[in-house]
Amino acid sequence: MTVIKINAITVAADSGDELARRFAARAGAVDDREGFEGFELLQPTDERTTWLVVTRWRDEESFQAWVNSPAFGHGHRSESERAGGEAPKPVGVSSELWSYAVAGGSTG
C-alpha cells in the first residue's frame, strides 16, 4: 500500500527561492531507493510560507529504510558540506512530517 510522507517546511518570506535551489541541487538523490515511487516540491501560491515536500513510498518499511540509510544523511547535506566546507544557514524556520495513506481518488 502506497504511503505518502509530507514534510511541511515553513521558511522566511524571502527564503523560498533558496529552498527550491537547494532541492534542485540534490534532485534525483532518492530516485533509486527501494520502494520510492515519486517526489514533488510544492510552492505556495498565496501568502503562505510553508512549502510541501511530498514523497510517495511503496510502504512504511521502504520509507524507514531510506531514513535510516547513510544516503539519507548524505542527501540532506549541502553541496558545500559534501565538499568538506561549512554548512549553510538553515532556510527552514520549522518543519513537520505528516504521514498519509491513499484512501481514494481518480485513476486518471
PDB file of N, CA and C in Angstrom:
ATOM      1  N   MET A   1       0.837  -1.174   0.000  1.00  0.00           N
ATOM      2  CA  MET A   1       0.000   0.000   0.000  1.00  0.00           C
ATOM      3  C   MET A   1       0.886   1.243   0.000  1.00  0.00           C
ATOM      4  N   THR A   2       0.669   2.143  -0.931  1.00  0.00           N
ATOM      5  CA  THR A   2       1.443   3.380  -1.018  1.00  0.00           C
ATOM      6  C   THR A   2       1.221   4.240   0.217  1.00  0.00           C
ATOM      7  N   VAL A   3       2.332   4.773   0.746  1.00  0.00           N
ATOM      8  CA  VAL A   3       2.247   5.740   1.832  1.00  0.00           C
ATOM      9  C   VAL A   3       2.806   7.062   1.330  1.00  0.00           C
ATOM     10  N   ILE A   4       2.228   8.128   1.832  1.00  0.00           N
ATOM     11  CA  ILE A   4       2.629   9.479   1.457  1.00  0.00           C
ATOM     12  C   ILE A   4       3.287  10.121   2.666  1.00  0.00           C
ATOM     13  N   LYS A   5       4.445  10.701   2.468  1.00  0.00           N
ATOM     14  CA  LYS A   5       5.144  11.448   3.514  1.00  0.00           C
ATOM     15  C   LYS A   5       5.250  12.887   3.042  1.00  0.00           C
ATOM     16  N   ILE A   6       4.772  13.809   3.855  1.00  0.00           N
ATOM     17  CA  ILE A   6       4.800  15.228   3.513  1.00  0.00           C
ATOM     18  C   ILE A   6       5.612  15.955   4.572  1.00  0.00           C
ATOM     19  N   ASN A   7       6.686  16.580   4.150  1.00  0.00           N
ATOM     20  CA  ASN A   7       7.469  17.422   5.035  1.00  0.00           C
ATOM     21  C   ASN A   7       7.012  18.849   4.785  1.00  0.00           C
ATOM     22  N   ALA A   8       6.315  19.429   5.755  1.00  0.00           N
ATOM     23  CA  ALA A   8       5.819  20.804   5.651  1.00  0.00           C
ATOM     24  C   ALA A   8       6.891  21.718   6.241  1.00  0.00           C
ATOM     25  N   ILE A   9       7.569  22.469   5.371  1.00  0.00           N
ATOM     26  CA  ILE A   9       8.696  23.313   5.777  1.00  0.00           C
ATOM     27  C   ILE A   9       8.283  24.776   5.695  1.00  0.00           C
ATOM     28  N   THR A  10       8.289  25.447   6.829  1.00  0.00           N
ATOM     29  CA  THR A  10       7.997  26.875   6.866  1.00  0.00           C
ATOM     30  C   THR A  10       9.314  27.634   6.746  1.00  0.00           C
ATOM     31  N   VAL A  11       9.354  28.592   5.824  1.00  0.00           N
ATOM     32  CA  VAL A  11      10.560  29.379   5.573  1.00  0.00           C
ATOM     33  C   VAL A  11      10.252  30.858   5.779  1.00  0.00           C
ATOM     34  N   ALA A  12      11.277  31.649   5.945  1.00  0.00           N
ATOM     35  CA  ALA A  12      11.095  33.103   5.965  1.00  0.00           C
ATOM     36  C   ALA A  12      10.536  33.536   4.612  1.00  0.00           C
ATOM     37  N   ALA A  13       9.794  34.616   4.602  1.00  0.00           N
ATOM     38  CA  ALA A  13       9.104  35.062   3.381  1.00  0.00           C
ATOM     39  C   ALA A  13      10.041  35.208   2.186  1.00  0.00           C
ATOM     40  N   ASP A  14      11.298  35.546   2.402  1.00  0.00           N
ATOM     41  CA  ASP A  14      12.229  35.763   1.293  1.00  0.00           C
ATOM     42  C   ASP A  14      13.149  34.566   1.031  1.00  0.00           C
ATOM     43  N   SER A  15      12.840  33.403   1.611  1.00  0.00           N
ATOM     44  CA  SER A  15      13.747  32.256   1.511  1.00  0.00           C
ATOM     45  C   SER A  15      13.247  31.119   0.625  1.00  0.00           C
ATOM     46  N   GLY A  16      12.066  31.237   0.068  1.00  0.00           N
ATOM     47  CA  GLY A  16      11.520  30.157  -0.747  1.00  0.00           C
ATOM     48  C   GLY A  16      12.379  29.805  -1.942  1.00  0.00           C
ATOM     49  N   ASP A  17      12.900  30.816  -2.631  1.00  0.00           N
ATOM     50  CA  ASP A  17      13.736  30.544  -3.806  1.00  0.00           C
ATOM     51  C   ASP A  17      14.989  29.756  -3.426  1.00  0.00           C
ATOM     52  N   GLU A  18      15.544  30.051  -2.254  1.00  0.00           N
ATOM     53  CA  GLU A  18      16.733  29.320  -1.795  1.00  0.00           C
ATOM     54  C   GLU A  18      16.378  27.870  -1.473  1.00  0.00           C
ATOM     55  N   LEU A  19      15.217  27.647  -0.869  1.00  0.00           N
ATOM     56  CA  LEU A  19      14.779  26.278  -0.601  1.00  0.00           C
ATOM     57  C   LEU A  19      14.656  25.509  -1.910  1.00  0.00           C
ATOM     58  N   ALA A  20      14.033  26.108  -2.904  1.00  0.00           N
ATOM     59  CA  ALA A  20      13.876  25.449  -4.209  1.00  0.00           C
ATOM     60  C   ALA A  20      15.240  25.165  -4.839  1.00  0.00           C
ATOM     61  N   ARG A  21      16.171  26.093  -4.720  1.00  0.00           N
ATOM     62  CA  ARG A  21      17.513  25.899  -5.275  1.00  0.00           C
ATOM     63  C   ARG A  21      18.214  24.715  -4.606  1.00  0.00           C
ATOM     64  N   ARG A  22      18.074  24.626  -3.296  1.00  0.00           N
ATOM     65  CA  ARG A  22      18.726  23.527  -2.567  1.00  0.00           C
ATOM     66  C   ARG A  22      18.131  22.179  -2.960  1.00  0.00           C
ATOM     67  N   PHE A  23      16.818  22.137  -3.150  1.00  0.00           N
ATOM     68  CA  PHE A  23      16.213  20.875  -3.586  1.00  0.00           C
ATOM     69  C   PHE A  23      16.649  20.526  -5.008  1.00  0.00           C
ATOM     70  N   ALA A  24      16.750  21.524  -5.873  1.00  0.00           N
ATOM     71  CA  ALA A  24      17.187  21.271  -7.242  1.00  0.00           C
ATOM     72  C   ALA A  24      18.617  20.733  -7.268  1.00  0.00           C
ATOM     73  N   ALA A  25      19.448  21.198  -6.339  1.00  0.00           N
ATOM     74  CA  ALA A  25      20.851  20.763  -6.285  1.00  0.00           C
ATOM     75  C   ALA A  25      20.984  19.289  -5.930  1.00  0.00           C
ATOM     76  N   ARG A  26      19.981  18.729  -5.285  1.00  0.00           N
ATOM     77  CA  ARG A  26      20.058  17.309  -4.931  1.00  0.00           C
ATOM     78  C   ARG A  26      18.974  16.484  -5.624  1.00  0.00           C
ATOM     79  N   ALA A  27      18.480  16.997  -6.721  1.00  0.00           N
ATOM     80  CA  ALA A  27      17.441  16.284  -7.482  1.00  0.00           C
ATOM     81  C   ALA A  27      17.919  14.891  -7.839  1.00  0.00           C
ATOM     82  N   GLY A  28      17.035  13.921  -7.683  1.00  0.00           N
ATOM     83  CA  GLY A  28      17.347  12.545  -8.041  1.00  0.00           C
ATOM     84  C   GLY A  28      18.046  11.749  -6.963  1.00  0.00           C
ATOM     85  N   ALA A  29      18.386  12.379  -5.839  1.00  0.00           N
ATOM     86  CA  ALA A  29      19.156  11.688  -4.803  1.00  0.00           C
ATOM     87  C   ALA A  29      18.424  10.500  -4.202  1.00  0.00           C
ATOM     88  N   VAL A  30      17.115  10.492  -4.260  1.00  0.00           N
ATOM     89  CA  VAL A  30      16.339   9.416  -3.651  1.00  0.00           C
ATOM     90  C   VAL A  30      15.726   8.481  -4.708  1.00  0.00           C
ATOM     91  N   ASP A  31      15.841   8.844  -5.967  1.00  0.00           N
ATOM     92  CA  ASP A  31      15.145   8.124  -7.041  1.00  0.00           C
ATOM     93  C   ASP A  31      15.435   6.630  -7.095  1.00  0.00           C
ATOM     94  N   ASP A  32      16.639   6.219  -6.731  1.00  0.00           N
ATOM     95  CA  ASP A  32      16.991   4.798  -6.856  1.00  0.00           C
ATOM     96  C   ASP A  32      16.736   3.988  -5.588  1.00  0.00           C
ATOM     97  N   ARG A  33      16.118   4.589  -4.590  1.00  0.00           N
ATOM     98  CA  ARG A  33      15.856   3.884  -3.341  1.00  0.00           C
ATOM     99  C   ARG A  33      14.738   2.866  -3.520  1.00  0.00           C
ATOM    100  N   GLU A  34      14.931   1.708  -2.947  1.00  0.00           N
ATOM    101  CA  GLU A  34      13.932   0.640  -2.995  1.00  0.00           C
ATOM    102  C   GLU A  34      12.611   1.142  -2.410  1.00  0.00           C
ATOM    103  N   GLY A  35      11.540   0.997  -3.173  1.00  0.00           N
ATOM    104  CA  GLY A  35      10.211   1.369  -2.707  1.00  0.00           C
ATOM    105  C   GLY A  35       9.822   2.809  -2.954  1.00  0.00           C
ATOM    106  N   PHE A  36      10.740   3.629  -3.468  1.00  0.00           N
ATOM    107  CA  PHE A  36      10.431   5.032  -3.748  1.00  0.00           C
ATOM    108  C   PHE A  36       9.569   5.124  -5.001  1.00  0.00           C
ATOM    109  N   GLU A  37       8.481   5.887  -4.919  1.00  0.00           N
ATOM    110  CA  GLU A  37       7.558   5.995  -6.047  1.00  0.00           C
ATOM    111  C   GLU A  37       7.471   7.394  -6.653  1.00  0.00           C
ATOM    112  N   GLY A  38       7.877   8.434  -5.928  1.00  0.00           N
ATOM    113  CA  GLY A  38       7.809   9.760  -6.524  1.00  0.00           C
ATOM    114  C   GLY A  38       8.022  10.874  -5.521  1.00  0.00           C
ATOM    115  N   PHE A  39       8.277  12.059  -6.068  1.00  0.00           N
ATOM    116  CA  PHE A  39       8.610  13.242  -5.263  1.00  0.00           C
ATOM    117  C   PHE A  39       8.053  14.490  -5.936  1.00  0.00           C
ATOM    118  N   GLU A  40       7.570  15.420  -5.115  1.00  0.00           N
ATOM    119  CA  GLU A  40       7.177  16.742  -5.599  1.00  0.00           C
ATOM    120  C   GLU A  40       7.518  17.773  -4.531  1.00  0.00           C
ATOM    121  N   LEU A  41       8.013  18.917  -4.964  1.00  0.00           N
ATOM    122  CA  LEU A  41       8.205  20.072  -4.085  1.00  0.00           C
ATOM    123  C   LEU A  41       7.111  21.060  -4.458  1.00  0.00           C
ATOM    124  N   LEU A  42       6.222  21.358  -3.515  1.00  0.00           N
ATOM    125  CA  LEU A  42       5.090  22.240  -3.784  1.00  0.00           C
ATOM    126  C   LEU A  42       5.337  23.618  -3.180  1.00  0.00           C
ATOM    127  N   GLN A  43       5.283  24.624  -4.044  1.00  0.00           N
ATOM    128  CA  GLN A  43       5.494  26.020  -3.664  1.00  0.00           C
ATOM    129  C   GLN A  43       4.142  26.673  -3.406  1.00  0.00           C
ATOM    130  N   PRO A  44       4.001  27.406  -2.298  1.00  0.00           N
ATOM    131  CA  PRO A  44       2.726  28.081  -2.056  1.00  0.00           C
ATOM    132  C   PRO A  44       2.481  29.169  -3.104  1.00  0.00           C
ATOM    133  N   THR A  45       1.225  29.341  -3.477  1.00  0.00           N
ATOM    134  CA  THR A  45       0.867  30.358  -4.467  1.00  0.00           C
ATOM    135  C   THR A  45       0.032  31.466  -3.833  1.00  0.00           C
ATOM    136  N   ASP A  46      -0.009  31.489  -2.530  1.00  0.00           N
ATOM    137  CA  ASP A  46      -0.707  32.550  -1.809  1.00  0.00           C
ATOM    138  C   ASP A  46       0.275  33.154  -0.804  1.00  0.00           C
ATOM    139  N   GLU A  47      -0.209  33.753   0.241  1.00  0.00           N
ATOM    140  CA  GLU A  47       0.665  34.433   1.202  1.00  0.00           C
ATOM    141  C   GLU A  47       1.369  33.477   2.168  1.00  0.00           C
ATOM    142  N   ARG A  48       1.094  32.201   2.086  1.00  0.00           N
ATOM    143  CA  ARG A  48       1.725  31.241   2.991  1.00  0.00           C
ATOM    144  C   ARG A  48       3.224  31.134   2.731  1.00  0.00           C
ATOM    145  N   THR A  49       3.930  30.700   3.739  1.00  0.00           N
ATOM    146  CA  THR A  49       5.380  30.493   3.600  1.00  0.00           C
ATOM    147  C   THR A  49       5.754  29.043   3.918  1.00  0.00           C
ATOM    148  N   THR A  50       4.781  28.151   3.865  1.00  0.00           N
ATOM    149  CA  THR A  50       5.036  26.739   4.093  1.00  0.00           C
ATOM    150  C   THR A  50       5.052  26.001   2.764  1.00  0.00           C
ATOM    151  N   TRP A  51       6.191  25.415   2.456  1.00  0.00           N
ATOM    152  CA  TRP A  51       6.369  24.602   1.260  1.00  0.00           C
ATOM    153  C   TRP A  51       6.147  23.149   1.650  1.00  0.00           C
ATOM    154  N   LEU A  52       5.684  22.337   0.719  1.00  0.00           N
ATOM    155  CA  LEU A  52       5.433  20.925   0.992  1.00  0.00           C
ATOM    156  C   LEU A  52       6.344  20.051   0.143  1.00  0.00           C
ATOM    157  N   VAL A  53       7.037  19.145   0.806  1.00  0.00           N
ATOM    158  CA  VAL A  53       7.857  18.141   0.136  1.00  0.00           C
ATOM    159  C   VAL A  53       7.059  16.846   0.222  1.00  0.00           C
ATOM    160  N   VAL A  54       6.527  16.407  -0.908  1.00  0.00           N
ATOM    161  CA  VAL A  54       5.641  15.246  -0.944  1.00  0.00           C
ATOM    162  C   VAL A  54       6.387  14.071  -1.572  1.00  0.00           C
ATOM    163  N   THR A  55       6.503  12.981  -0.815  1.00  0.00           N
ATOM    164  CA  THR A  55       7.105  11.763  -1.362  1.00  0.00           C
ATOM    165  C   THR A  55       6.115  10.618  -1.219  1.00  0.00           C
ATOM    166  N   ARG A  56       6.199   9.700  -2.174  1.00  0.00           N
ATOM    167  CA  ARG A  56       5.359   8.506  -2.169  1.00  0.00           C
ATOM    168  C   ARG A  56       6.271   7.278  -2.081  1.00  0.00           C
ATOM    169  N   TRP A  57       5.862   6.338  -1.233  1.00  0.00           N
ATOM    170  CA  TRP A  57       6.648   5.137  -0.983  1.00  0.00           C
ATOM    171  C   TRP A  57       5.751   3.911  -1.081  1.00  0.00           C
ATOM    172  N   ARG A  58       6.315   2.813  -1.511  1.00  0.00           N
ATOM    173  CA  ARG A  58       5.568   1.561  -1.617  1.00  0.00           C
ATOM    174  C   ARG A  58       4.952   1.173  -0.278  1.00  0.00           C
ATOM    175  N   ASP A  59       5.714   1.372   0.815  1.00  0.00           N
ATOM    176  CA  ASP A  59       5.238   1.006   2.150  1.00  0.00           C
ATOM    177  C   ASP A  59       6.073   1.743   3.193  1.00  0.00           C
ATOM    178  N   GLU A  60       5.638   1.671   4.422  1.00  0.00           N
ATOM    179  CA  GLU A  60       6.340   2.343   5.523  1.00  0.00           C
ATOM    180  C   GLU A  60       7.759   1.817   5.681  1.00  0.00           C
ATOM    181  N   GLU A  61       7.954   0.531   5.479  1.00  0.00           N
ATOM    182  CA  GLU A  61       9.283  -0.068   5.625  1.00  0.00           C
ATOM    183  C   GLU A  61      10.280   0.538   4.633  1.00  0.00           C
ATOM    184  N   SER A  62       9.840   0.804   3.407  1.00  0.00           N
ATOM    185  CA  SER A  62      10.726   1.420   2.409  1.00  0.00           C
ATOM    186  C   SER A  62      11.130   2.817   2.837  1.00  0.00           C
ATOM    187  N   PHE A  63      10.175   3.579   3.347  1.00  0.00           N
ATOM    188  CA  PHE A  63      10.479   4.933   3.823  1.00  0.00           C
ATOM    189  C   PHE A  63      11.470   4.877   4.989  1.00  0.00           C
ATOM    190  N   GLN A  64      11.208   4.015   5.960  1.00  0.00           N
ATOM    191  CA  GLN A  64      12.083   3.908   7.127  1.00  0.00           C
ATOM    192  C   GLN A  64      13.486   3.445   6.742  1.00  0.00           C
ATOM    193  N   ALA A  65      13.576   2.538   5.778  1.00  0.00           N
ATOM    194  CA  ALA A  65      14.892   2.081   5.315  1.00  0.00           C
ATOM    195  C   ALA A  65      15.684   3.244   4.735  1.00  0.00           C
ATOM    196  N   TRP A  66      15.025   4.128   3.995  1.00  0.00           N
ATOM    197  CA  TRP A  66      15.711   5.299   3.438  1.00  0.00           C
ATOM    198  C   TRP A  66      16.135   6.257   4.546  1.00  0.00           C
ATOM    199  N   VAL A  67      15.227   6.566   5.475  1.00  0.00           N
ATOM    200  CA  VAL A  67      15.540   7.499   6.566  1.00  0.00           C
ATOM    201  C   VAL A  67      16.722   7.004   7.389  1.00  0.00           C
ATOM    202  N   ASN A  68      16.830   5.706   7.552  1.00  0.00           N
ATOM    203  CA  ASN A  68      17.901   5.128   8.374  1.00  0.00           C
ATOM    204  C   ASN A  68      19.158   4.780   7.583  1.00  0.00           C
ATOM    205  N   SER A  69      19.197   5.148   6.308  1.00  0.00           N
ATOM    206  CA  SER A  69      20.345   4.815   5.469  1.00  0.00           C
ATOM    207  C   SER A  69      21.383   5.940   5.471  1.00  0.00           C
ATOM    208  N   PRO A  70      22.640   5.605   5.172  1.00  0.00           N
ATOM    209  CA  PRO A  70      23.659   6.646   5.017  1.00  0.00           C
ATOM    210  C   PRO A  70      23.293   7.633   3.901  1.00  0.00           C
ATOM    211  N   ALA A  71      22.576   7.157   2.886  1.00  0.00           N
ATOM    212  CA  ALA A  71      22.191   8.036   1.770  1.00  0.00           C
ATOM    213  C   ALA A  71      21.286   9.170   2.233  1.00  0.00           C
ATOM    214  N   PHE A  72      20.465   8.936   3.235  1.00  0.00           N
ATOM    215  CA  PHE A  72      19.594   9.980   3.767  1.00  0.00           C
ATOM    216  C   PHE A  72      20.426  11.141   4.315  1.00  0.00           C
ATOM    217  N   GLY A  73      21.380  10.817   5.170  1.00  0.00           N
ATOM    218  CA  GLY A  73      22.236  11.857   5.734  1.00  0.00           C
ATOM    219  C   GLY A  73      23.037  12.573   4.666  1.00  0.00           C
ATOM    220  N   HIS A  74      23.571  11.808   3.727  1.00  0.00           N
ATOM    221  CA  HIS A  74      24.353  12.405   2.646  1.00  0.00           C
ATOM    222  C   HIS A  74      23.486  13.337   1.798  1.00  0.00           C
ATOM    223  N   GLY A  75      22.268  12.902   1.479  1.00  0.00           N
ATOM    224  CA  GLY A  75      21.374  13.696   0.646  1.00  0.00           C
ATOM    225  C   GLY A  75      20.884  14.959   1.314  1.00  0.00           C
ATOM    226  N   HIS A  76      20.936  14.998   2.630  1.00  0.00           N
ATOM    227  CA  HIS A  76      20.482  16.178   3.356  1.00  0.00           C
ATOM    228  C   HIS A  76      21.635  17.114   3.720  1.00  0.00           C
ATOM    229  N   ARG A  77      22.814  16.819   3.227  1.00  0.00           N
ATOM    230  CA  ARG A  77      23.939  17.733   3.402  1.00  0.00           C
ATOM    231  C   ARG A  77      24.031  18.632   2.174  1.00  0.00           C
ATOM    232  N   SER A  78      24.501  19.830   2.377  1.00  0.00           N
ATOM    233  CA  SER A  78      24.628  20.783   1.271  1.00  0.00           C
ATOM    234  C   SER A  78      25.799  20.407   0.368  1.00  0.00           C
ATOM    235  N   GLU A  79      25.847  21.042  -0.797  1.00  0.00           N
ATOM    236  CA  GLU A  79      26.989  20.833  -1.700  1.00  0.00           C
ATOM    237  C   GLU A  79      28.287  21.211  -1.001  1.00  0.00           C
ATOM    238  N   SER A  80      28.250  22.311  -0.255  1.00  0.00           N
ATOM    239  CA  SER A  80      29.429  22.775   0.465  1.00  0.00           C
ATOM    240  C   SER A  80      29.896  21.749   1.495  1.00  0.00           C
ATOM    241  N   GLU A  81      28.953  21.192   2.249  1.00  0.00           N
ATOM    242  CA  GLU A  81      29.309  20.186   3.254  1.00  0.00           C
ATOM    243  C   GLU A  81      29.886  18.939   2.613  1.00  0.00           C
ATOM    244  N   ARG A  82      29.302  18.517   1.488  1.00  0.00           N
ATOM    245  CA  ARG A  82      29.804  17.319   0.809  1.00  0.00           C
ATOM    246  C   ARG A  82      31.217  17.534   0.294  1.00  0.00           C
ATOM    247  N   ALA A  83      31.585  18.797   0.056  1.00  0.00           N
ATOM    248  CA  ALA A  83      32.936  19.111  -0.416  1.00  0.00           C
ATOM    249  C   ALA A  83      33.880  19.414   0.749  1.00  0.00           C
ATOM    250  N   GLY A  84      33.400  19.235   2.003  1.00  0.00           N
ATOM    251  CA  GLY A  84      34.241  19.462   3.165  1.00  0.00           C
ATOM    252  C   GLY A  84      34.138  20.844   3.754  1.00  0.00           C
ATOM    253  N   GLY A  85      33.210  21.660   3.247  1.00  0.00           N
ATOM    254  CA  GLY A  85      33.054  23.025   3.739  1.00  0.00           C
ATOM    255  C   GLY A  85      32.028  23.148   4.857  1.00  0.00           C
ATOM    256  N   GLU A  86      31.708  24.374   5.145  1.00  0.00           N
ATOM    257  CA  GLU A  86      30.748  24.695   6.198  1.00  0.00           C
ATOM    258  C   GLU A  86      29.314  24.485   5.736  1.00  0.00           C
ATOM    259  N   ALA A  87      28.445  24.188   6.698  1.00  0.00           N
ATOM    260  CA  ALA A  87      27.016  24.075   6.417  1.00  0.00           C
ATOM    261  C   ALA A  87      26.420  25.470   6.238  1.00  0.00           C
ATOM    262  N   PRO A  88      25.570  25.663   5.237  1.00  0.00           N
ATOM    263  CA  PRO A  88      24.923  26.967   5.083  1.00  0.00           C
ATOM    264  C   PRO A  88      23.876  27.175   6.174  1.00  0.00           C
ATOM    265  N   LYS A  89      23.496  28.401   6.357  1.00  0.00           N
ATOM    266  CA  LYS A  89      22.454  28.737   7.321  1.00  0.00           C
ATOM    267  C   LYS A  89      21.161  28.025   6.912  1.00  0.00           C
ATOM    268  N   PRO A  90      20.449  27.429   7.868  1.00  0.00           N
ATOM    269  CA  PRO A  90      19.186  26.762   7.522  1.00  0.00           C
ATOM    270  C   PRO A  90      18.190  27.731   6.882  1.00  0.00           C
ATOM    271  N   VAL A  91      17.417  27.219   5.937  1.00  0.00           N
ATOM    272  CA  VAL A  91      16.382  28.015   5.278  1.00  0.00           C
ATOM    273  C   VAL A  91      15.074  27.911   6.050  1.00  0.00           C
ATOM    274  N   GLY A  92      14.772  26.714   6.516  1.00  0.00           N
ATOM    275  CA  GLY A  92      13.515  26.490   7.221  1.00  0.00           C
ATOM    276  C   GLY A  92      13.547  27.040   8.633  1.00  0.00           C
ATOM    277  N   VAL A  93      12.418  27.585   9.063  1.00  0.00           N
ATOM    278  CA  VAL A  93      12.298  28.029  10.450  1.00  0.00           C
ATOM    279  C   VAL A  93      11.585  26.976  11.288  1.00  0.00           C
ATOM    280  N   SER A  94      10.860  26.078  10.623  1.00  0.00           N
ATOM    281  CA  SER A  94      10.235  24.948  11.290  1.00  0.00           C
ATOM    282  C   SER A  94       9.807  23.938  10.244  1.00  0.00           C
ATOM    283  N   SER A  95       9.578  22.698  10.683  1.00  0.00           N
ATOM    284  CA  SER A  95       9.061  21.687   9.769  1.00  0.00           C
ATOM    285  C   SER A  95       8.297  20.636  10.561  1.00  0.00           C
ATOM    286  N   GLU A  96       7.384  19.981   9.869  1.00  0.00           N
ATOM    287  CA  GLU A  96       6.615  18.877  10.431  1.00  0.00           C
ATOM    288  C   GLU A  96       6.573  17.767   9.391  1.00  0.00           C
ATOM    289  N   LEU A  97       6.596  16.529   9.844  1.00  0.00           N
ATOM    290  CA  LEU A  97       6.449  15.396   8.933  1.00  0.00           C
ATOM    291  C   LEU A  97       5.051  14.832   9.111  1.00  0.00           C
ATOM    292  N   TRP A  98       4.300  14.804   8.027  1.00  0.00           N
ATOM    293  CA  TRP A  98       2.939  14.272   8.021  1.00  0.00           C
ATOM    294  C   TRP A  98       2.950  12.946   7.271  1.00  0.00           C
ATOM    295  N   SER A  99       2.146  11.998   7.716  1.00  0.00           N
ATOM    296  CA  SER A  99       2.057  10.686   7.076  1.00  0.00           C
ATOM    297  C   SER A  99       0.623  10.406   6.665  1.00  0.00           C
ATOM    298  N   TYR A 100       0.452   9.922   5.440  1.00  0.00           N
ATOM    299  CA  TYR A 100      -0.875   9.629   4.902  1.00  0.00           C
ATOM    300  C   TYR A 100      -0.851   8.325   4.123  1.00  0.00           C
ATOM    301  N   ALA A 101      -2.019   7.731   3.986  1.00  0.00           N
ATOM    302  CA  ALA A 101      -2.231   6.603   3.093  1.00  0.00           C
ATOM    303  C   ALA A 101      -3.295   7.043   2.097  1.00  0.00           C
ATOM    304  N   VAL A 102      -3.202   6.558   0.878  1.00  0.00           N
ATOM    305  CA  VAL A 102      -4.187   6.897  -0.136  1.00  0.00           C
ATOM    306  C   VAL A 102      -5.504   6.206   0.226  1.00  0.00           C
ATOM    307  N   ALA A 103      -6.565   7.001   0.359  1.00  0.00           N
ATOM    308  CA  ALA A 103      -7.867   6.471   0.754  1.00  0.00           C
ATOM    309  C   ALA A 103      -8.874   6.495  -0.396  1.00  0.00           C
ATOM    310  N   GLY A 104      -8.500   7.099  -1.509  1.00  0.00           N
ATOM    311  CA  GLY A 104      -9.394   7.173  -2.654  1.00  0.00           C
ATOM    312  C   GLY A 104      -8.835   8.161  -3.655  1.00  0.00           C
ATOM    313  N   GLY A 105      -9.520   8.304  -4.786  1.00  0.00           N
ATOM    314  CA  GLY A 105      -9.079   9.235  -5.809  1.00  0.00           C
ATOM    315  C   GLY A 105      -9.482   8.755  -7.184  1.00  0.00           C
ATOM    316  N   SER A 106      -8.922   9.405  -8.186  1.00  0.00           N
ATOM    317  CA  SER A 106      -9.239   9.037  -9.560  1.00  0.00           C
ATOM    318  C   SER A 106      -8.150   8.121 -10.113  1.00  0.00           C
ATOM    319  N   THR A 107      -8.457   7.469 -11.206  1.00  0.00           N
ATOM    320  CA  THR A 107      -7.489   6.588 -11.843  1.00  0.00           C
ATOM    321  C   THR A 107      -6.742   7.269 -12.974  1.00  0.00           C
ATOM    322  N   GLY A 108      -7.118   8.482 -13.330  1.00  0.00           N
ATOM    323  CA  GLY A 108      -6.500   9.182 -14.454  1.00  0.00           C
ATOM    324  C   GLY A 108      -5.469  10.054 -14.068  1.00  0.00           C
TER     325      GLY A 108
END
